[in-house]
């Protein structure tokens, strides 16, 4: 899975983890990334099975929550993240 980290990097930078819904992809957040990228590190990815043209990958809620936890730990190991949620992303968040 590709995770996109866009915006400033370094200490003291807040991390915004963006979760899309159905039938969207990480592209839903293009305008928000453009607006925030000078102030926040924007982290986004397409949830498993949501990418057009790929086979559906049914995943349990526990699997998606663990995936989000791992993305959070790897992109912001020492700081909390702020969630930006849309549609089904709200359930996962």
N, C-alpha and C. Protein backbone atom coordinates (compact mmCIF):
# COMPACT_ATOMS: atom_id res chain seq x y z
N UNK A 1 0.84 -1.18 0.00
CA UNK A 1 0.00 0.00 0.00
C UNK A 1 0.88 1.24 0.00
N UNK A 2 0.59 2.18 -0.87
CA UNK A 2 1.34 3.43 -0.92
C UNK A 2 0.73 4.44 0.04
N UNK A 3 1.56 5.01 0.90
CA UNK A 3 1.13 6.07 1.81
C UNK A 3 1.84 7.35 1.35
N UNK A 4 1.05 8.39 1.11
CA UNK A 4 1.59 9.66 0.65
C UNK A 4 1.72 10.60 1.84
N UNK A 5 2.92 11.16 2.02
CA UNK A 5 3.15 12.16 3.06
C UNK A 5 3.56 13.42 2.33
N UNK A 6 2.75 14.46 2.45
CA UNK A 6 2.99 15.70 1.72
C UNK A 6 2.98 16.86 2.69
N UNK A 7 3.80 17.85 2.40
CA UNK A 7 3.87 19.03 3.24
C UNK A 7 5.18 19.10 3.98
N UNK A 8 5.27 20.02 4.93
CA UNK A 8 6.53 20.21 5.65
C UNK A 8 6.89 19.00 6.49
N UNK A 9 8.16 18.79 6.66
CA UNK A 9 8.63 17.71 7.53
C UNK A 9 9.52 18.31 8.61
N UNK A 10 9.73 17.57 9.67
CA UNK A 10 10.60 18.02 10.74
C UNK A 10 9.88 18.07 12.06
N UNK A 11 10.59 18.44 13.09
CA UNK A 11 10.01 18.46 14.42
C UNK A 11 9.03 19.62 14.54
N UNK A 12 8.02 19.39 15.34
CA UNK A 12 7.04 20.42 15.59
C UNK A 12 5.95 20.53 14.55
N UNK A 13 6.02 19.76 13.48
CA UNK A 13 5.01 19.82 12.43
C UNK A 13 3.85 18.91 12.79
N UNK A 14 2.64 19.46 12.72
CA UNK A 14 1.46 18.65 13.00
C UNK A 14 1.15 17.73 11.83
N UNK A 15 0.66 16.55 12.15
CA UNK A 15 0.34 15.54 11.14
C UNK A 15 -1.18 15.42 11.02
N UNK A 16 -1.67 15.51 9.79
CA UNK A 16 -3.08 15.37 9.48
C UNK A 16 -3.26 14.06 8.69
N UNK A 17 -3.94 13.09 9.30
CA UNK A 17 -4.18 11.80 8.65
C UNK A 17 -5.57 11.85 8.03
N UNK A 18 -5.62 11.71 6.71
CA UNK A 18 -6.85 11.90 5.94
C UNK A 18 -7.43 10.55 5.53
N UNK A 19 -8.68 10.30 5.91
CA UNK A 19 -9.34 9.04 5.58
C UNK A 19 -10.57 9.31 4.72
N UNK A 20 -10.55 8.76 3.53
CA UNK A 20 -11.67 8.95 2.59
C UNK A 20 -12.77 7.94 2.86
N UNK A 21 -13.84 8.06 2.09
CA UNK A 21 -14.96 7.13 2.21
C UNK A 21 -15.18 6.37 0.92
N UNK A 22 -16.39 5.84 0.78
CA UNK A 22 -16.76 5.05 -0.39
C UNK A 22 -17.54 5.93 -1.35
N UNK A 23 -17.28 5.90 -2.62
CA UNK A 23 -16.33 5.10 -3.38
C UNK A 23 -15.06 5.87 -3.72
N UNK A 24 -14.60 6.69 -2.83
CA UNK A 24 -13.46 7.57 -3.08
C UNK A 24 -12.11 6.88 -2.94
N UNK A 25 -11.06 7.64 -3.23
CA UNK A 25 -9.68 7.23 -3.02
C UNK A 25 -8.96 8.38 -2.32
N UNK A 26 -7.68 8.23 -2.12
CA UNK A 26 -6.90 9.29 -1.49
C UNK A 26 -6.94 10.59 -2.29
N UNK A 27 -7.31 10.53 -3.56
CA UNK A 27 -7.40 11.72 -4.42
C UNK A 27 -8.48 12.69 -3.96
N UNK A 28 -9.42 12.22 -3.14
CA UNK A 28 -10.46 13.08 -2.60
C UNK A 28 -9.86 14.30 -1.90
N UNK A 29 -8.66 14.14 -1.34
CA UNK A 29 -8.05 15.16 -0.50
C UNK A 29 -7.10 16.11 -1.25
N UNK A 30 -7.04 16.05 -2.58
CA UNK A 30 -6.10 16.88 -3.34
C UNK A 30 -6.20 18.37 -2.98
N UNK A 31 -7.40 18.91 -2.95
CA UNK A 31 -7.56 20.35 -2.66
C UNK A 31 -7.16 20.68 -1.23
N UNK A 32 -7.48 19.80 -0.30
CA UNK A 32 -7.12 20.05 1.10
C UNK A 32 -5.60 19.99 1.29
N UNK A 33 -4.95 19.03 0.63
CA UNK A 33 -3.49 18.95 0.71
C UNK A 33 -2.87 20.24 0.17
N UNK A 34 -3.38 20.72 -0.94
CA UNK A 34 -2.86 21.97 -1.52
C UNK A 34 -3.04 23.14 -0.55
N UNK A 35 -4.13 23.15 0.19
CA UNK A 35 -4.39 24.24 1.13
C UNK A 35 -3.54 24.13 2.40
N UNK A 36 -3.26 22.91 2.85
CA UNK A 36 -2.58 22.70 4.12
C UNK A 36 -1.08 22.45 4.00
N UNK A 37 -0.55 22.19 2.81
CA UNK A 37 0.79 21.63 2.70
C UNK A 37 1.92 22.54 3.16
N UNK A 38 1.67 23.80 3.38
CA UNK A 38 2.73 24.65 3.93
C UNK A 38 2.71 24.68 5.46
N UNK A 39 1.64 24.13 6.05
CA UNK A 39 1.51 24.18 7.51
C UNK A 39 1.46 22.81 8.18
N UNK A 40 1.02 21.81 7.44
CA UNK A 40 0.80 20.49 8.03
C UNK A 40 1.43 19.40 7.17
N UNK A 41 1.82 18.32 7.80
CA UNK A 41 2.19 17.12 7.05
C UNK A 41 0.91 16.34 6.81
N UNK A 42 0.52 16.23 5.55
CA UNK A 42 -0.71 15.55 5.18
C UNK A 42 -0.39 14.11 4.81
N UNK A 43 -1.02 13.18 5.49
CA UNK A 43 -0.81 11.76 5.26
C UNK A 43 -2.10 11.19 4.71
N UNK A 44 -2.00 10.55 3.55
CA UNK A 44 -3.19 9.96 2.94
C UNK A 44 -2.82 8.72 2.15
N UNK A 45 -3.80 7.86 1.97
CA UNK A 45 -3.63 6.63 1.22
C UNK A 45 -5.02 6.16 0.82
N UNK A 46 -5.06 5.23 -0.12
CA UNK A 46 -6.33 4.64 -0.52
C UNK A 46 -6.55 3.37 0.29
N UNK A 47 -7.69 3.30 0.92
CA UNK A 47 -8.00 2.12 1.73
C UNK A 47 -7.99 0.86 0.88
N UNK A 48 -7.59 -0.27 1.45
CA UNK A 48 -7.54 -1.52 0.70
C UNK A 48 -8.88 -1.85 0.05
N UNK A 49 -8.83 -2.20 -1.23
CA UNK A 49 -10.02 -2.57 -1.95
C UNK A 49 -10.82 -1.42 -2.53
N UNK A 50 -10.37 -0.18 -2.31
CA UNK A 50 -11.09 0.99 -2.80
C UNK A 50 -10.52 1.51 -4.12
N UNK A 51 -9.35 1.05 -4.52
CA UNK A 51 -8.71 1.54 -5.75
C UNK A 51 -9.47 1.02 -6.96
N UNK A 52 -9.93 1.93 -7.86
CA UNK A 52 -10.65 1.47 -9.05
C UNK A 52 -9.79 0.52 -9.88
N UNK A 53 -10.44 -0.51 -10.41
CA UNK A 53 -9.74 -1.46 -11.27
C UNK A 53 -9.01 -2.56 -10.53
N UNK A 54 -9.04 -2.55 -9.20
CA UNK A 54 -8.40 -3.61 -8.43
C UNK A 54 -9.49 -4.48 -7.80
N UNK A 55 -9.18 -5.73 -7.52
CA UNK A 55 -10.19 -6.59 -6.90
C UNK A 55 -10.58 -6.06 -5.52
N UNK A 56 -11.82 -6.23 -5.18
CA UNK A 56 -12.29 -5.84 -3.85
C UNK A 56 -11.58 -6.70 -2.82
N UNK A 57 -11.20 -6.07 -1.72
CA UNK A 57 -10.47 -6.76 -0.66
C UNK A 57 -11.24 -6.58 0.64
N UNK A 58 -12.23 -7.44 0.89
CA UNK A 58 -12.99 -7.29 2.13
C UNK A 58 -12.06 -7.33 3.33
N UNK A 59 -12.25 -6.38 4.22
CA UNK A 59 -11.41 -6.31 5.42
C UNK A 59 -12.29 -6.05 6.63
N UNK A 60 -11.95 -6.67 7.72
CA UNK A 60 -12.70 -6.45 8.95
C UNK A 60 -12.39 -5.07 9.51
N UNK A 61 -13.27 -4.60 10.35
CA UNK A 61 -13.05 -3.32 11.02
C UNK A 61 -11.74 -3.37 11.80
N UNK A 62 -11.49 -4.48 12.48
CA UNK A 62 -10.25 -4.62 13.25
C UNK A 62 -9.02 -4.49 12.35
N UNK A 63 -9.07 -5.07 11.15
CA UNK A 63 -7.93 -4.99 10.23
C UNK A 63 -7.69 -3.55 9.78
N UNK A 64 -8.76 -2.82 9.46
CA UNK A 64 -8.61 -1.44 9.02
C UNK A 64 -8.10 -0.56 10.17
N UNK A 65 -8.63 -0.76 11.36
CA UNK A 65 -8.17 0.02 12.52
C UNK A 65 -6.70 -0.25 12.79
N UNK A 66 -6.26 -1.49 12.69
CA UNK A 66 -4.84 -1.82 12.89
C UNK A 66 -3.99 -1.17 11.81
N UNK A 67 -4.46 -1.17 10.58
CA UNK A 67 -3.75 -0.50 9.49
C UNK A 67 -3.57 0.98 9.79
N UNK A 68 -4.63 1.64 10.22
CA UNK A 68 -4.55 3.07 10.57
C UNK A 68 -3.59 3.30 11.72
N UNK A 69 -3.62 2.41 12.68
CA UNK A 69 -2.70 2.51 13.81
C UNK A 69 -1.24 2.43 13.34
N UNK A 70 -0.95 1.48 12.46
CA UNK A 70 0.41 1.33 11.94
C UNK A 70 0.84 2.54 11.11
N UNK A 71 -0.05 3.06 10.28
CA UNK A 71 0.27 4.27 9.50
C UNK A 71 0.56 5.43 10.44
N UNK A 72 -0.24 5.58 11.48
CA UNK A 72 -0.03 6.66 12.46
C UNK A 72 1.32 6.52 13.15
N UNK A 73 1.64 5.31 13.59
CA UNK A 73 2.92 5.09 14.29
C UNK A 73 4.11 5.36 13.39
N UNK A 74 4.01 4.98 12.12
CA UNK A 74 5.16 5.15 11.22
C UNK A 74 5.31 6.57 10.72
N UNK A 75 4.21 7.31 10.60
CA UNK A 75 4.31 8.67 10.08
C UNK A 75 4.45 9.71 11.19
N UNK A 76 4.07 9.36 12.39
CA UNK A 76 4.18 10.29 13.52
C UNK A 76 4.41 9.51 14.80
N UNK A 77 5.61 8.92 14.95
CA UNK A 77 5.85 8.03 16.08
C UNK A 77 5.85 8.71 17.45
N UNK A 78 6.17 10.00 17.50
CA UNK A 78 6.30 10.67 18.79
C UNK A 78 5.26 11.75 19.04
N UNK A 79 4.35 11.93 18.10
CA UNK A 79 3.35 13.00 18.23
C UNK A 79 1.98 12.45 17.86
N UNK A 80 0.93 13.03 18.45
CA UNK A 80 -0.42 12.61 18.04
C UNK A 80 -0.71 13.07 16.61
N UNK A 81 -1.68 12.44 15.99
CA UNK A 81 -2.14 12.85 14.66
C UNK A 81 -3.55 13.41 14.80
N UNK A 82 -3.91 14.27 13.88
CA UNK A 82 -5.28 14.77 13.77
C UNK A 82 -5.93 14.06 12.60
N UNK A 83 -7.13 13.55 12.79
CA UNK A 83 -7.83 12.86 11.73
C UNK A 83 -8.73 13.83 10.97
N UNK A 84 -8.72 13.72 9.65
CA UNK A 84 -9.67 14.41 8.78
C UNK A 84 -10.45 13.30 8.09
N UNK A 85 -11.75 13.22 8.37
CA UNK A 85 -12.54 12.06 7.98
C UNK A 85 -13.67 12.45 7.04
N UNK A 86 -14.00 11.52 6.14
CA UNK A 86 -15.12 11.71 5.22
C UNK A 86 -15.86 10.39 5.03
N UNK A 87 -17.20 10.44 5.12
CA UNK A 87 -18.04 9.31 4.78
C UNK A 87 -17.63 8.07 5.60
N UNK A 88 -17.31 6.94 4.94
CA UNK A 88 -16.93 5.73 5.65
C UNK A 88 -15.63 5.89 6.42
N UNK A 89 -14.81 6.86 6.05
CA UNK A 89 -13.61 7.15 6.82
C UNK A 89 -13.93 7.51 8.26
N UNK A 90 -15.15 8.06 8.50
CA UNK A 90 -15.57 8.40 9.86
C UNK A 90 -15.69 7.14 10.72
N UNK A 91 -16.23 6.09 10.16
CA UNK A 91 -16.36 4.83 10.91
C UNK A 91 -14.98 4.29 11.26
N UNK A 92 -14.08 4.29 10.30
CA UNK A 92 -12.75 3.76 10.54
C UNK A 92 -11.96 4.64 11.51
N UNK A 93 -12.09 5.93 11.39
CA UNK A 93 -11.41 6.86 12.28
C UNK A 93 -11.91 6.75 13.70
